[in-house]
Amino acid sequence: MCKLAFLLKCAFIYHCRLFLSDRDALNEMITELPTRTALKLVKLNALEFEKDDDTNFHMDFIVATSNLRAENYEIEPADRYKVQLLCICASAQ
């Protein structure tokens, strides 16, 4: 099963919960996780972060995770331009 299909299935099971209890849904997701040996074969490649290119969705990801963090810690969320300004300041250092 490809990674995207696995993640979509997990999200569907977790969010819908139409026929499964939370524990059943969790157990089903755990059984579908790849083994440690399979994960050792996965090679990750770093990508260059580009704050000015909207086609790669890097800033969308940063803004979304920033606002999730803000929600968790009950701090003021930031808009896209404020986050981009912070990225510019951080890259200048």
PDB file of N, CA and C in Angstrom:
ATOM      1  N   MET A   1       0.858  -1.171   0.000  1.00  0.00           N
ATOM      2  CA  MET A   1       0.000   0.000   0.000  1.00  0.00           C
ATOM      3  C   MET A   1       0.904   1.234   0.000  1.00  0.00           C
ATOM      4  N   CYS A   2       0.625   2.192  -0.871  1.00  0.00           N
ATOM      5  CA  CYS A   2       1.449   3.394  -0.930  1.00  0.00           C
ATOM      6  C   CYS A   2       1.201   4.256   0.319  1.00  0.00           C
ATOM      7  N   LYS A   3       2.137   5.132   0.587  1.00  0.00           N
ATOM      8  CA  LYS A   3       2.067   5.951   1.806  1.00  0.00           C
ATOM      9  C   LYS A   3       0.815   6.812   1.843  1.00  0.00           C
ATOM     10  N   LEU A   4       0.475   7.421   0.696  1.00  0.00           N
ATOM     11  CA  LEU A   4      -0.689   8.299   0.669  1.00  0.00           C
ATOM     12  C   LEU A   4      -1.967   7.519   0.939  1.00  0.00           C
ATOM     13  N   ALA A   5      -2.089   6.348   0.320  1.00  0.00           N
ATOM     14  CA  ALA A   5      -3.289   5.530   0.546  1.00  0.00           C
ATOM     15  C   ALA A   5      -3.376   5.103   2.006  1.00  0.00           C
ATOM     16  N   PHE A   6      -2.227   4.760   2.598  1.00  0.00           N
ATOM     17  CA  PHE A   6      -2.206   4.370   4.005  1.00  0.00           C
ATOM     18  C   PHE A   6      -2.651   5.524   4.898  1.00  0.00           C
ATOM     19  N   LEU A   7      -2.121   6.712   4.635  1.00  0.00           N
ATOM     20  CA  LEU A   7      -2.486   7.876   5.450  1.00  0.00           C
ATOM     21  C   LEU A   7      -3.953   8.242   5.291  1.00  0.00           C
ATOM     22  N   LEU A   8      -4.453   8.146   4.069  1.00  0.00           N
ATOM     23  CA  LEU A   8      -5.871   8.442   3.844  1.00  0.00           C
ATOM     24  C   LEU A   8      -6.766   7.438   4.560  1.00  0.00           C
ATOM     25  N   LYS A   9      -6.359   6.171   4.521  1.00  0.00           N
ATOM     26  CA  LYS A   9      -7.144   5.145   5.199  1.00  0.00           C
ATOM     27  C   LYS A   9      -7.128   5.378   6.705  1.00  0.00           C
ATOM     28  N   CYS A  10      -5.962   5.714   7.252  1.00  0.00           N
ATOM     29  CA  CYS A  10      -5.871   5.987   8.690  1.00  0.00           C
ATOM     30  C   CYS A  10      -6.742   7.181   9.065  1.00  0.00           C
ATOM     31  N   ALA A  11      -6.696   8.224   8.254  1.00  0.00           N
ATOM     32  CA  ALA A  11      -7.508   9.402   8.535  1.00  0.00           C
ATOM     33  C   ALA A  11      -8.993   9.063   8.473  1.00  0.00           C
ATOM     34  N   PHE A  12      -9.362   8.259   7.493  1.00  0.00           N
ATOM     35  CA  PHE A  12     -10.769   7.867   7.366  1.00  0.00           C
ATOM     36  C   PHE A  12     -11.214   7.065   8.581  1.00  0.00           C
ATOM     37  N   ILE A  13     -10.398   6.096   8.969  1.00  0.00           N
ATOM     38  CA  ILE A  13     -10.749   5.256  10.123  1.00  0.00           C
ATOM     39  C   ILE A  13     -10.821   6.107  11.384  1.00  0.00           C
ATOM     40  N   TYR A  14      -9.841   6.977  11.554  1.00  0.00           N
ATOM     41  CA  TYR A  14      -9.790   7.772  12.778  1.00  0.00           C
ATOM     42  C   TYR A  14     -10.940   8.766  12.867  1.00  0.00           C
ATOM     43  N   HIS A  15     -11.209   9.455  11.766  1.00  0.00           N
ATOM     44  CA  HIS A  15     -12.204  10.524  11.824  1.00  0.00           C
ATOM     45  C   HIS A  15     -13.637  10.028  11.698  1.00  0.00           C
ATOM     46  N   CYS A  16     -13.859   9.016  10.924  1.00  0.00           N
ATOM     47  CA  CYS A  16     -15.244   8.567  10.729  1.00  0.00           C
ATOM     48  C   CYS A  16     -15.759   7.788  11.926  1.00  0.00           C
ATOM     49  N   ARG A  17     -15.032   6.769  12.316  1.00  0.00           N
ATOM     50  CA  ARG A  17     -15.417   5.950  13.465  1.00  0.00           C
ATOM     51  C   ARG A  17     -16.883   5.520  13.396  1.00  0.00           C
ATOM     52  N   LEU A  18     -17.343   5.202  12.203  1.00  0.00           N
ATOM     53  CA  LEU A  18     -18.746   4.828  12.056  1.00  0.00           C
ATOM     54  C   LEU A  18     -19.030   3.470  12.680  1.00  0.00           C
ATOM     55  N   PHE A  19     -18.119   2.544  12.454  1.00  0.00           N
ATOM     56  CA  PHE A  19     -18.367   1.178  12.913  1.00  0.00           C
ATOM     57  C   PHE A  19     -17.316   0.675  13.891  1.00  0.00           C
ATOM     58  N   LEU A  20     -16.295   1.454  14.138  1.00  0.00           N
ATOM     59  CA  LEU A  20     -15.203   0.997  14.989  1.00  0.00           C
ATOM     60  C   LEU A  20     -15.109   1.860  16.243  1.00  0.00           C
ATOM     61  N   SER A  21     -14.791   1.220  17.347  1.00  0.00           N
ATOM     62  CA  SER A  21     -14.508   1.996  18.545  1.00  0.00           C
ATOM     63  C   SER A  21     -13.115   2.615  18.392  1.00  0.00           C
ATOM     64  N   ASP A  22     -12.765   3.528  19.246  1.00  0.00           N
ATOM     65  CA  ASP A  22     -11.437   4.143  19.177  1.00  0.00           C
ATOM     66  C   ASP A  22     -10.334   3.107  19.298  1.00  0.00           C
ATOM     67  N   ARG A  23     -10.498   2.169  20.211  1.00  0.00           N
ATOM     68  CA  ARG A  23      -9.462   1.151  20.401  1.00  0.00           C
ATOM     69  C   ARG A  23      -9.347   0.254  19.178  1.00  0.00           C
ATOM     70  N   ASP A  24     -10.480  -0.121  18.582  1.00  0.00           N
ATOM     71  CA  ASP A  24     -10.443  -0.948  17.374  1.00  0.00           C
ATOM     72  C   ASP A  24      -9.772  -0.209  16.227  1.00  0.00           C
ATOM     73  N   ALA A  25     -10.090   1.076  16.090  1.00  0.00           N
ATOM     74  CA  ALA A  25      -9.479   1.878  15.025  1.00  0.00           C
ATOM     75  C   ALA A  25      -7.980   1.986  15.238  1.00  0.00           C
ATOM     76  N   LEU A  26      -7.554   2.219  16.481  1.00  0.00           N
ATOM     77  CA  LEU A  26      -6.135   2.315  16.786  1.00  0.00           C
ATOM     78  C   LEU A  26      -5.427   0.992  16.508  1.00  0.00           C
ATOM     79  N   ASN A  27      -6.016  -0.111  16.929  1.00  0.00           N
ATOM     80  CA  ASN A  27      -5.409  -1.418  16.685  1.00  0.00           C
ATOM     81  C   ASN A  27      -5.291  -1.713  15.203  1.00  0.00           C
ATOM     82  N   GLU A  28      -6.283  -1.319  14.422  1.00  0.00           N
ATOM     83  CA  GLU A  28      -6.214  -1.551  12.977  1.00  0.00           C
ATOM     84  C   GLU A  28      -5.092  -0.719  12.349  1.00  0.00           C
ATOM     85  N   MET A  29      -4.950   0.533  12.790  1.00  0.00           N
ATOM     86  CA  MET A  29      -3.867   1.364  12.261  1.00  0.00           C
ATOM     87  C   MET A  29      -2.507   0.796  12.649  1.00  0.00           C
ATOM     88  N   ILE A  30      -2.379   0.294  13.865  1.00  0.00           N
ATOM     89  CA  ILE A  30      -1.103  -0.264  14.329  1.00  0.00           C
ATOM     90  C   ILE A  30      -0.718  -1.477  13.503  1.00  0.00           C
ATOM     91  N   THR A  31      -1.697  -2.320  13.173  1.00  0.00           N
ATOM     92  CA  THR A  31      -1.371  -3.519  12.388  1.00  0.00           C
ATOM     93  C   THR A  31      -0.929  -3.168  10.975  1.00  0.00           C
ATOM     94  N   GLU A  32      -1.306  -2.012  10.471  1.00  0.00           N
ATOM     95  CA  GLU A  32      -0.934  -1.624   9.114  1.00  0.00           C
ATOM     96  C   GLU A  32       0.356  -0.818   9.045  1.00  0.00           C
ATOM     97  N   LEU A  33       0.956  -0.520  10.193  1.00  0.00           N
ATOM     98  CA  LEU A  33       2.232   0.192  10.181  1.00  0.00           C
ATOM     99  C   LEU A  33       3.315  -0.693   9.579  1.00  0.00           C
ATOM    100  N   PRO A  34       4.257  -0.093   8.843  1.00  0.00           N
ATOM    101  CA  PRO A  34       5.353  -0.893   8.301  1.00  0.00           C
ATOM    102  C   PRO A  34       6.263  -1.402   9.416  1.00  0.00           C
ATOM    103  N   THR A  35       6.935  -2.492   9.153  1.00  0.00           N
ATOM    104  CA  THR A  35       7.842  -3.078  10.145  1.00  0.00           C
ATOM    105  C   THR A  35       9.113  -2.229  10.250  1.00  0.00           C
ATOM    106  N   ARG A  36       9.877  -2.465  11.291  1.00  0.00           N
ATOM    107  CA  ARG A  36      11.130  -1.730  11.467  1.00  0.00           C
ATOM    108  C   ARG A  36      12.099  -2.019  10.328  1.00  0.00           C
ATOM    109  N   THR A  37      12.144  -3.275   9.890  1.00  0.00           N
ATOM    110  CA  THR A  37      13.060  -3.607   8.790  1.00  0.00           C
ATOM    111  C   THR A  37      12.632  -2.913   7.501  1.00  0.00           C
ATOM    112  N   ALA A  38      11.333  -2.782   7.281  1.00  0.00           N
ATOM    113  CA  ALA A  38      10.860  -2.070   6.087  1.00  0.00           C
ATOM    114  C   ALA A  38      11.213  -0.590   6.180  1.00  0.00           C
ATOM    115  N   LEU A  39      11.146  -0.024   7.376  1.00  0.00           N
ATOM    116  CA  LEU A  39      11.479   1.389   7.547  1.00  0.00           C
ATOM    117  C   LEU A  39      12.971   1.654   7.361  1.00  0.00           C
ATOM    118  N   LYS A  40      13.805   0.638   7.623  1.00  0.00           N
ATOM    119  CA  LYS A  40      15.244   0.821   7.431  1.00  0.00           C
ATOM    120  C   LYS A  40      15.581   1.001   5.955  1.00  0.00           C
ATOM    121  N   LEU A  41      14.725   0.512   5.078  1.00  0.00           N
ATOM    122  CA  LEU A  41      14.967   0.625   3.645  1.00  0.00           C
ATOM    123  C   LEU A  41      14.524   1.971   3.075  1.00  0.00           C
ATOM    124  N   VAL A  42      13.796   2.754   3.876  1.00  0.00           N
ATOM    125  CA  VAL A  42      13.295   4.044   3.409  1.00  0.00           C
ATOM    126  C   VAL A  42      14.433   5.055   3.423  1.00  0.00           C
ATOM    127  N   LYS A  43      14.616   5.735   2.313  1.00  0.00           N
ATOM    128  CA  LYS A  43      15.648   6.769   2.227  1.00  0.00           C
ATOM    129  C   LYS A  43      14.963   8.122   2.122  1.00  0.00           C
ATOM    130  N   LEU A  44      15.293   9.008   3.029  1.00  0.00           N
ATOM    131  CA  LEU A  44      14.737  10.349   3.034  1.00  0.00           C
ATOM    132  C   LEU A  44      15.724  11.309   2.385  1.00  0.00           C
ATOM    133  N   ASN A  45      15.193  12.195   1.585  1.00  0.00           N
ATOM    134  CA  ASN A  45      16.019  13.208   0.939  1.00  0.00           C
ATOM    135  C   ASN A  45      15.560  14.583   1.400  1.00  0.00           C
ATOM    136  N   ALA A  46      16.501  15.382   1.835  1.00  0.00           N
ATOM    137  CA  ALA A  46      16.171  16.738   2.272  1.00  0.00           C
ATOM    138  C   ALA A  46      15.810  17.591   1.062  1.00  0.00           C
ATOM    139  N   LEU A  47      14.835  18.448   1.250  1.00  0.00           N
ATOM    140  CA  LEU A  47      14.449  19.391   0.206  1.00  0.00           C
ATOM    141  C   LEU A  47      14.910  20.782   0.604  1.00  0.00           C
ATOM    142  N   GLU A  48      15.189  21.583  -0.369  1.00  0.00           N
ATOM    143  CA  GLU A  48      15.567  22.968  -0.118  1.00  0.00           C
ATOM    144  C   GLU A  48      14.309  23.763   0.212  1.00  0.00           C
ATOM    145  N   PHE A  49      14.321  24.444   1.354  1.00  0.00           N
ATOM    146  CA  PHE A  49      13.166  25.255   1.749  1.00  0.00           C
ATOM    147  C   PHE A  49      13.165  26.540   0.943  1.00  0.00           C
ATOM    148  N   GLU A  50      12.046  26.816   0.277  1.00  0.00           N
ATOM    149  CA  GLU A  50      11.915  28.033  -0.519  1.00  0.00           C
ATOM    150  C   GLU A  50      10.644  28.755  -0.112  1.00  0.00           C
ATOM    151  N   LYS A  51      10.821  29.875   0.563  1.00  0.00           N
ATOM    152  CA  LYS A  51       9.666  30.600   1.098  1.00  0.00           C
ATOM    153  C   LYS A  51       8.926  31.416   0.052  1.00  0.00           C
ATOM    154  N   ASP A  52       9.566  31.696  -1.075  1.00  0.00           N
ATOM    155  CA  ASP A  52       8.956  32.570  -2.076  1.00  0.00           C
ATOM    156  C   ASP A  52       8.278  31.814  -3.219  1.00  0.00           C
ATOM    157  N   ASP A  53       8.391  30.504  -3.260  1.00  0.00           N
ATOM    158  CA  ASP A  53       7.798  29.713  -4.341  1.00  0.00           C
ATOM    159  C   ASP A  53       6.504  29.076  -3.827  1.00  0.00           C
ATOM    160  N   ASP A  54       5.373  29.587  -4.276  1.00  0.00           N
ATOM    161  CA  ASP A  54       4.085  29.084  -3.791  1.00  0.00           C
ATOM    162  C   ASP A  54       3.701  27.729  -4.388  1.00  0.00           C
ATOM    163  N   THR A  55       4.380  27.298  -5.433  1.00  0.00           N
ATOM    164  CA  THR A  55       3.999  26.031  -6.077  1.00  0.00           C
ATOM    165  C   THR A  55       4.460  24.809  -5.287  1.00  0.00           C
ATOM    166  N   ASN A  56       5.382  24.976  -4.349  1.00  0.00           N
ATOM    167  CA  ASN A  56       5.866  23.818  -3.580  1.00  0.00           C
ATOM    168  C   ASN A  56       5.151  23.654  -2.233  1.00  0.00           C
ATOM    169  N   PHE A  57       4.298  24.605  -1.866  1.00  0.00           N
ATOM    170  CA  PHE A  57       3.474  24.551  -0.654  1.00  0.00           C
ATOM    171  C   PHE A  57       4.272  24.526   0.648  1.00  0.00           C
ATOM    172  N   HIS A  58       5.541  24.930   0.602  1.00  0.00           N
ATOM    173  CA  HIS A  58       6.343  24.962   1.831  1.00  0.00           C
ATOM    174  C   HIS A  58       5.749  25.930   2.841  1.00  0.00           C
ATOM    175  N   MET A  59       5.410  27.118   2.389  1.00  0.00           N
ATOM    176  CA  MET A  59       4.861  28.119   3.313  1.00  0.00           C
ATOM    177  C   MET A  59       3.485  27.699   3.830  1.00  0.00           C
ATOM    178  N   ASP A  60       2.697  27.050   2.993  1.00  0.00           N
ATOM    179  CA  ASP A  60       1.388  26.574   3.453  1.00  0.00           C
ATOM    180  C   ASP A  60       1.555  25.606   4.625  1.00  0.00           C
ATOM    181  N   PHE A  61       2.539  24.720   4.501  1.00  0.00           N
ATOM    182  CA  PHE A  61       2.804  23.755   5.567  1.00  0.00           C
ATOM    183  C   PHE A  61       3.268  24.467   6.840  1.00  0.00           C
ATOM    184  N   ILE A  62       4.186  25.419   6.692  1.00  0.00           N
ATOM    185  CA  ILE A  62       4.715  26.143   7.852  1.00  0.00           C
ATOM    186  C   ILE A  62       3.603  26.932   8.543  1.00  0.00           C
ATOM    187  N   VAL A  63       2.766  27.600   7.762  1.00  0.00           N
ATOM    188  CA  VAL A  63       1.664  28.389   8.344  1.00  0.00           C
ATOM    189  C   VAL A  63       0.678  27.464   9.063  1.00  0.00           C
ATOM    190  N   ALA A  64       0.351  26.336   8.439  1.00  0.00           N
ATOM    191  CA  ALA A  64      -0.600  25.405   9.055  1.00  0.00           C
ATOM    192  C   ALA A  64      -0.061  24.853  10.372  1.00  0.00           C
ATOM    193  N   THR A  65       1.192  24.420  10.378  1.00  0.00           N
ATOM    194  CA  THR A  65       1.752  23.874  11.615  1.00  0.00           C
ATOM    195  C   THR A  65       1.935  24.954  12.672  1.00  0.00           C
ATOM    196  N   SER A  66       2.259  26.161  12.233  1.00  0.00           N
ATOM    197  CA  SER A  66       2.377  27.277  13.173  1.00  0.00           C
ATOM    198  C   SER A  66       1.039  27.555  13.855  1.00  0.00           C
ATOM    199  N   ASN A  67      -0.019  27.533  13.080  1.00  0.00           N
ATOM    200  CA  ASN A  67      -1.333  27.818  13.655  1.00  0.00           C
ATOM    201  C   ASN A  67      -1.869  26.658  14.493  1.00  0.00           C
ATOM    202  N   LEU A  68      -1.487  25.431  14.159  1.00  0.00           N
ATOM    203  CA  LEU A  68      -1.839  24.303  15.031  1.00  0.00           C
ATOM    204  C   LEU A  68      -1.148  24.448  16.384  1.00  0.00           C
ATOM    205  N   ARG A  69       0.115  24.844  16.346  1.00  0.00           N
ATOM    206  CA  ARG A  69       0.857  25.073  17.590  1.00  0.00           C
ATOM    207  C   ARG A  69       0.211  26.210  18.387  1.00  0.00           C
ATOM    208  N   ALA A  70      -0.168  27.269  17.697  1.00  0.00           N
ATOM    209  CA  ALA A  70      -0.814  28.397  18.372  1.00  0.00           C
ATOM    210  C   ALA A  70      -2.110  27.959  19.039  1.00  0.00           C
ATOM    211  N   GLU A  71      -2.859  27.109  18.358  1.00  0.00           N
ATOM    212  CA  GLU A  71      -4.118  26.601  18.926  1.00  0.00           C
ATOM    213  C   GLU A  71      -3.843  25.757  20.170  1.00  0.00           C
ATOM    214  N   ASN A  72      -2.820  24.918  20.110  1.00  0.00           N
ATOM    215  CA  ASN A  72      -2.492  24.054  21.251  1.00  0.00           C
ATOM    216  C   ASN A  72      -2.052  24.847  22.472  1.00  0.00           C
ATOM    217  N   TYR A  73      -1.296  25.909  22.247  1.00  0.00           N
ATOM    218  CA  TYR A  73      -0.754  26.689  23.363  1.00  0.00           C
ATOM    219  C   TYR A  73      -1.549  27.958  23.637  1.00  0.00           C
ATOM    220  N   GLU A  74      -2.689  28.079  22.979  1.00  0.00           N
ATOM    221  CA  GLU A  74      -3.589  29.213  23.187  1.00  0.00           C
ATOM    222  C   GLU A  74      -2.871  30.546  23.024  1.00  0.00           C
ATOM    223  N   ILE A  75      -2.093  30.641  21.949  1.00  0.00           N
ATOM    224  CA  ILE A  75      -1.460  31.905  21.596  1.00  0.00           C
ATOM    225  C   ILE A  75      -2.078  32.394  20.285  1.00  0.00           C
ATOM    226  N   GLU A  76      -1.822  33.621  19.945  1.00  0.00           N
ATOM    227  CA  GLU A  76      -2.441  34.214  18.760  1.00  0.00           C
ATOM    228  C   GLU A  76      -1.891  33.560  17.486  1.00  0.00           C
ATOM    229  N   PRO A  77      -2.773  33.102  16.599  1.00  0.00           N
ATOM    230  CA  PRO A  77      -2.295  32.534  15.332  1.00  0.00           C
ATOM    231  C   PRO A  77      -1.715  33.625  14.439  1.00  0.00           C
ATOM    232  N   ALA A  78      -0.849  33.223  13.533  1.00  0.00           N
ATOM    233  CA  ALA A  78      -0.201  34.172  12.634  1.00  0.00           C
ATOM    234  C   ALA A  78      -0.721  33.973  11.212  1.00  0.00           C
ATOM    235  N   ASP A  79      -0.831  35.060  10.481  1.00  0.00           N
ATOM    236  CA  ASP A  79      -1.231  34.921   9.085  1.00  0.00           C
ATOM    237  C   ASP A  79      -0.006  34.577   8.232  1.00  0.00           C
ATOM    238  N   ARG A  80      -0.251  34.292   6.980  1.00  0.00           N
ATOM    239  CA  ARG A  80       0.797  33.840   6.073  1.00  0.00           C
ATOM    240  C   ARG A  80       1.942  34.851   5.972  1.00  0.00           C
ATOM    241  N   TYR A  81       1.608  36.125   5.920  1.00  0.00           N
ATOM    242  CA  TYR A  81       2.639  37.144   5.729  1.00  0.00           C
ATOM    243  C   TYR A  81       3.515  37.317   6.961  1.00  0.00           C
ATOM    244  N   LYS A  82       2.938  37.178   8.128  1.00  0.00           N
ATOM    245  CA  LYS A  82       3.730  37.266   9.356  1.00  0.00           C
ATOM    246  C   LYS A  82       4.698  36.089   9.443  1.00  0.00           C
ATOM    247  N   VAL A  83       4.218  34.900   9.099  1.00  0.00           N
ATOM    248  CA  VAL A  83       5.084  33.716   9.126  1.00  0.00           C
ATOM    249  C   VAL A  83       6.192  33.853   8.090  1.00  0.00           C
ATOM    250  N   GLN A  84       5.853  34.376   6.904  1.00  0.00           N
ATOM    251  CA  GLN A  84       6.866  34.547   5.872  1.00  0.00           C
ATOM    252  C   GLN A  84       7.921  35.561   6.315  1.00  0.00           C
ATOM    253  N   LEU A  85       7.498  36.608   6.993  1.00  0.00           N
ATOM    254  CA  LEU A  85       8.441  37.589   7.517  1.00  0.00           C
ATOM    255  C   LEU A  85       9.373  36.948   8.545  1.00  0.00           C
ATOM    256  N   LEU A  86       8.833  36.090   9.398  1.00  0.00           N
ATOM    257  CA  LEU A  86       9.674  35.385  10.374  1.00  0.00           C
ATOM    258  C   LEU A  86      10.672  34.468   9.683  1.00  0.00           C
ATOM    259  N   CYS A  87      10.250  33.834   8.591  1.00  0.00           N
ATOM    260  CA  CYS A  87      11.170  32.970   7.833  1.00  0.00           C
ATOM    261  C   CYS A  87      12.293  33.792   7.198  1.00  0.00           C
ATOM    262  N   ILE A  88      11.956  34.979   6.720  1.00  0.00           N
ATOM    263  CA  ILE A  88      12.971  35.857   6.137  1.00  0.00           C
ATOM    264  C   ILE A  88      13.979  36.257   7.209  1.00  0.00           C
ATOM    265  N   CYS A  89      13.486  36.616   8.395  1.00  0.00           N
ATOM    266  CA  CYS A  89      14.389  37.011   9.488  1.00  0.00           C
ATOM    267  C   CYS A  89      15.256  35.843   9.934  1.00  0.00           C
ATOM    268  N   ALA A  90      14.682  34.644   9.990  1.00  0.00           N
ATOM    269  CA  ALA A  90      15.434  33.471  10.434  1.00  0.00           C
ATOM    270  C   ALA A  90      16.499  33.094   9.412  1.00  0.00           C
ATOM    271  N   SER A  91      16.195  33.230   8.127  1.00  0.00           N
ATOM    272  CA  SER A  91      17.185  32.856   7.107  1.00  0.00           C
ATOM    273  C   SER A  91      18.314  33.883   7.004  1.00  0.00           C
ATOM    274  N   ALA A  92      18.084  35.099   7.485  1.00  0.00           N
ATOM    275  CA  ALA A  92      19.105  36.135   7.423  1.00  0.00           C
ATOM    276  C   ALA A  92      20.177  35.941   8.496  1.00  0.00           C
ATOM    277  N   GLN A  93      19.871  35.161   9.511  1.00  0.00           N
ATOM    278  CA  GLN A  93      20.824  34.962  10.615  1.00  0.00           C
ATOM    279  C   GLN A  93      21.884  33.973  10.279  1.00  0.00           C
TER     280      GLN A  93
END
